[in-house]
Amino acid sequence: MEILRIILTVIFVLDCIGLTVIVLMQEGKQQGLGSAGVADTYWGRNKGRSMEGGLVKATTVMAILFFVLAVILNMNF
Protein backbone atom coordinates (compact mmCIF):
# COMPACT_ATOMS: atom_id res chain seq x y z
CA MET A 1 0.00 0.00 0.00
CA GLU A 2 2.94 2.31 0.57
CA ILE A 3 3.91 2.07 -3.11
CA LEU A 4 0.38 3.14 -4.11
CA ARG A 5 0.60 6.14 -1.77
CA ILE A 6 3.95 7.16 -3.29
CA ILE A 7 2.58 6.85 -6.84
CA LEU A 8 -0.52 8.89 -5.95
CA THR A 9 1.64 11.52 -4.26
CA VAL A 10 3.81 11.87 -7.37
CA ILE A 11 0.68 12.20 -9.55
CA PHE A 12 -0.69 14.75 -7.08
CA VAL A 13 2.48 16.86 -7.24
CA LEU A 14 2.52 16.73 -11.05
CA ASP A 15 -1.16 17.70 -11.09
CA CYS A 16 -0.45 20.66 -8.79
CA ILE A 17 2.36 21.90 -11.02
CA GLY A 18 0.32 21.37 -14.21
CA LEU A 19 -2.73 23.10 -12.74
CA THR A 20 -0.62 26.09 -11.76
CA VAL A 21 0.88 26.37 -15.24
CA ILE A 22 -2.48 26.05 -17.00
CA VAL A 23 -4.12 28.67 -14.79
CA LEU A 24 -1.26 31.08 -15.44
CA MET A 25 -1.53 30.50 -19.22
CA GLN A 26 -5.17 31.62 -19.30
CA GLU A 27 -6.14 35.11 -20.29
CA GLY A 28 -7.88 37.44 -17.88
CA LYS A 29 -11.67 37.45 -17.96
CA GLN A 30 -11.98 41.15 -17.24
CA GLN A 31 -12.35 42.88 -20.59
CA GLY A 32 -13.91 46.12 -19.35
CA LEU A 33 -17.12 47.58 -20.73
CA GLY A 34 -16.44 46.43 -24.28
CA SER A 35 -17.17 42.79 -23.50
CA ALA A 36 -20.97 43.18 -23.42
CA GLY A 37 -21.42 41.91 -27.00
CA VAL A 38 -18.81 39.15 -27.03
CA ALA A 39 -21.40 36.37 -27.31
CA ASP A 40 -22.51 37.67 -30.73
CA THR A 41 -19.08 37.59 -32.33
CA TYR A 42 -17.37 34.69 -34.07
CA TRP A 43 -14.89 34.44 -31.21
CA GLY A 44 -17.68 34.29 -28.62
CA ARG A 45 -19.51 31.49 -30.44
CA ASN A 46 -16.41 29.37 -31.11
CA LYS A 47 -14.54 29.95 -27.87
CA GLY A 48 -14.98 26.32 -26.77
CA ARG A 49 -12.95 25.09 -29.76
CA SER A 50 -10.12 27.58 -29.29
CA MET A 51 -6.96 27.26 -27.23
CA GLU A 52 -8.59 29.25 -24.44
CA GLY A 53 -11.54 26.85 -24.40
CA GLY A 54 -9.14 23.93 -24.21
CA LEU A 55 -7.33 25.54 -21.29
CA VAL A 56 -10.63 25.99 -19.45
CA LYS A 57 -11.53 22.31 -19.98
CA ALA A 58 -8.06 21.19 -18.91
CA THR A 59 -8.31 23.35 -15.79
CA THR A 60 -11.63 21.76 -14.89
CA VAL A 61 -10.32 18.22 -15.33
CA MET A 62 -7.13 18.89 -13.41
CA ALA A 63 -9.00 20.63 -10.58
CA ILE A 64 -11.32 17.63 -10.20
CA LEU A 65 -8.28 15.32 -10.20
CA PHE A 66 -6.65 17.55 -7.57
CA PHE A 67 -9.61 17.28 -5.19
CA VAL A 68 -10.06 13.53 -5.73
CA LEU A 69 -6.37 12.85 -5.09
CA ALA A 70 -6.39 15.12 -2.04
CA VAL A 71 -9.30 13.18 -0.52
CA ILE A 72 -7.74 9.80 -1.36
CA LEU A 73 -4.34 10.76 0.06
CA ASN A 74 -5.92 11.96 3.30
CA MET A 75 -7.68 8.65 3.93
CA ASN A 76 -5.91 6.24 6.24
CA PHE A 77 -5.46 3.09 4.20
C-alpha atoms as a PDB file:
ATOM      1  CA  MET A   1       0.000   0.000   0.000  1.00  0.00           C
ATOM      2  CA  GLU A   2       2.941   2.310   0.568  1.00  0.00           C
ATOM      3  CA  ILE A   3       3.907   2.072  -3.109  1.00  0.00           C
ATOM      4  CA  LEU A   4       0.378   3.141  -4.107  1.00  0.00           C
ATOM      5  CA  ARG A   5       0.596   6.143  -1.768  1.00  0.00           C
ATOM      6  CA  ILE A   6       3.946   7.157  -3.292  1.00  0.00           C
ATOM      7  CA  ILE A   7       2.577   6.847  -6.839  1.00  0.00           C
ATOM      8  CA  LEU A   8      -0.522   8.887  -5.952  1.00  0.00           C
ATOM      9  CA  THR A   9       1.641  11.516  -4.261  1.00  0.00           C
ATOM     10  CA  VAL A  10       3.811  11.871  -7.367  1.00  0.00           C
ATOM     11  CA  ILE A  11       0.675  12.197  -9.549  1.00  0.00           C
ATOM     12  CA  PHE A  12      -0.688  14.751  -7.077  1.00  0.00           C
ATOM     13  CA  VAL A  13       2.485  16.862  -7.236  1.00  0.00           C
ATOM     14  CA  LEU A  14       2.519  16.731 -11.049  1.00  0.00           C
ATOM     15  CA  ASP A  15      -1.162  17.703 -11.093  1.00  0.00           C
ATOM     16  CA  CYS A  16      -0.451  20.662  -8.793  1.00  0.00           C
ATOM     17  CA  ILE A  17       2.358  21.899 -11.024  1.00  0.00           C
ATOM     18  CA  GLY A  18       0.324  21.371 -14.207  1.00  0.00           C
ATOM     19  CA  LEU A  19      -2.728  23.103 -12.745  1.00  0.00           C
ATOM     20  CA  THR A  20      -0.620  26.090 -11.760  1.00  0.00           C
ATOM     21  CA  VAL A  21       0.885  26.366 -15.240  1.00  0.00           C
ATOM     22  CA  ILE A  22      -2.485  26.048 -17.001  1.00  0.00           C
ATOM     23  CA  VAL A  23      -4.117  28.671 -14.786  1.00  0.00           C
ATOM     24  CA  LEU A  24      -1.256  31.082 -15.439  1.00  0.00           C
ATOM     25  CA  MET A  25      -1.535  30.502 -19.215  1.00  0.00           C
ATOM     26  CA  GLN A  26      -5.174  31.616 -19.298  1.00  0.00           C
ATOM     27  CA  GLU A  27      -6.138  35.114 -20.289  1.00  0.00           C
ATOM     28  CA  GLY A  28      -7.880  37.438 -17.879  1.00  0.00           C
ATOM     29  CA  LYS A  29     -11.667  37.450 -17.963  1.00  0.00           C
ATOM     30  CA  GLN A  30     -11.980  41.152 -17.238  1.00  0.00           C
ATOM     31  CA  GLN A  31     -12.352  42.884 -20.586  1.00  0.00           C
ATOM     32  CA  GLY A  32     -13.908  46.120 -19.350  1.00  0.00           C
ATOM     33  CA  LEU A  33     -17.120  47.583 -20.727  1.00  0.00           C
ATOM     34  CA  GLY A  34     -16.436  46.427 -24.277  1.00  0.00           C
ATOM     35  CA  SER A  35     -17.173  42.791 -23.499  1.00  0.00           C
ATOM     36  CA  ALA A  36     -20.967  43.184 -23.424  1.00  0.00           C
ATOM     37  CA  GLY A  37     -21.417  41.913 -26.998  1.00  0.00           C
ATOM     38  CA  VAL A  38     -18.812  39.153 -27.032  1.00  0.00           C
ATOM     39  CA  ALA A  39     -21.398  36.367 -27.309  1.00  0.00           C
ATOM     40  CA  ASP A  40     -22.509  37.673 -30.731  1.00  0.00           C
ATOM     41  CA  THR A  41     -19.076  37.588 -32.331  1.00  0.00           C
ATOM     42  CA  TYR A  42     -17.366  34.693 -34.068  1.00  0.00           C
ATOM     43  CA  TRP A  43     -14.893  34.443 -31.213  1.00  0.00           C
ATOM     44  CA  GLY A  44     -17.682  34.290 -28.621  1.00  0.00           C
ATOM     45  CA  ARG A  45     -19.508  31.489 -30.438  1.00  0.00           C
ATOM     46  CA  ASN A  46     -16.409  29.368 -31.107  1.00  0.00           C
ATOM     47  CA  LYS A  47     -14.538  29.948 -27.874  1.00  0.00           C
ATOM     48  CA  GLY A  48     -14.979  26.325 -26.771  1.00  0.00           C
ATOM     49  CA  ARG A  49     -12.948  25.091 -29.763  1.00  0.00           C
ATOM     50  CA  SER A  50     -10.118  27.580 -29.292  1.00  0.00           C
ATOM     51  CA  MET A  51      -6.962  27.255 -27.232  1.00  0.00           C
ATOM     52  CA  GLU A  52      -8.587  29.250 -24.436  1.00  0.00           C
ATOM     53  CA  GLY A  53     -11.537  26.853 -24.402  1.00  0.00           C
ATOM     54  CA  GLY A  54      -9.136  23.925 -24.207  1.00  0.00           C
ATOM     55  CA  LEU A  55      -7.328  25.539 -21.286  1.00  0.00           C
ATOM     56  CA  VAL A  56     -10.632  25.985 -19.447  1.00  0.00           C
ATOM     57  CA  LYS A  57     -11.527  22.314 -19.984  1.00  0.00           C
ATOM     58  CA  ALA A  58      -8.059  21.189 -18.905  1.00  0.00           C
ATOM     59  CA  THR A  59      -8.310  23.355 -15.786  1.00  0.00           C
ATOM     60  CA  THR A  60     -11.632  21.759 -14.889  1.00  0.00           C
ATOM     61  CA  VAL A  61     -10.323  18.217 -15.334  1.00  0.00           C
ATOM     62  CA  MET A  62      -7.125  18.895 -13.410  1.00  0.00           C
ATOM     63  CA  ALA A  63      -8.998  20.633 -10.575  1.00  0.00           C
ATOM     64  CA  ILE A  64     -11.318  17.634 -10.195  1.00  0.00           C
ATOM     65  CA  LEU A  65      -8.284  15.318 -10.199  1.00  0.00           C
ATOM     66  CA  PHE A  66      -6.654  17.552  -7.573  1.00  0.00           C
ATOM     67  CA  PHE A  67      -9.609  17.276  -5.192  1.00  0.00           C
ATOM     68  CA  VAL A  68     -10.058  13.535  -5.734  1.00  0.00           C
ATOM     69  CA  LEU A  69      -6.373  12.850  -5.087  1.00  0.00           C
ATOM     70  CA  ALA A  70      -6.391  15.122  -2.037  1.00  0.00           C
ATOM     71  CA  VAL A  71      -9.300  13.175  -0.520  1.00  0.00           C
ATOM     72  CA  ILE A  72      -7.736   9.798  -1.362  1.00  0.00           C
ATOM     73  CA  LEU A  73      -4.338  10.761   0.059  1.00  0.00           C
ATOM     74  CA  ASN A  74      -5.918  11.960   3.302  1.00  0.00           C
ATOM     75  CA  MET A  75      -7.682   8.652   3.928  1.00  0.00           C
ATOM     76  CA  ASN A  76      -5.909   6.241   6.238  1.00  0.00           C
ATOM     77  CA  PHE A  77      -5.464   3.085   4.196  1.00  0.00           C
END
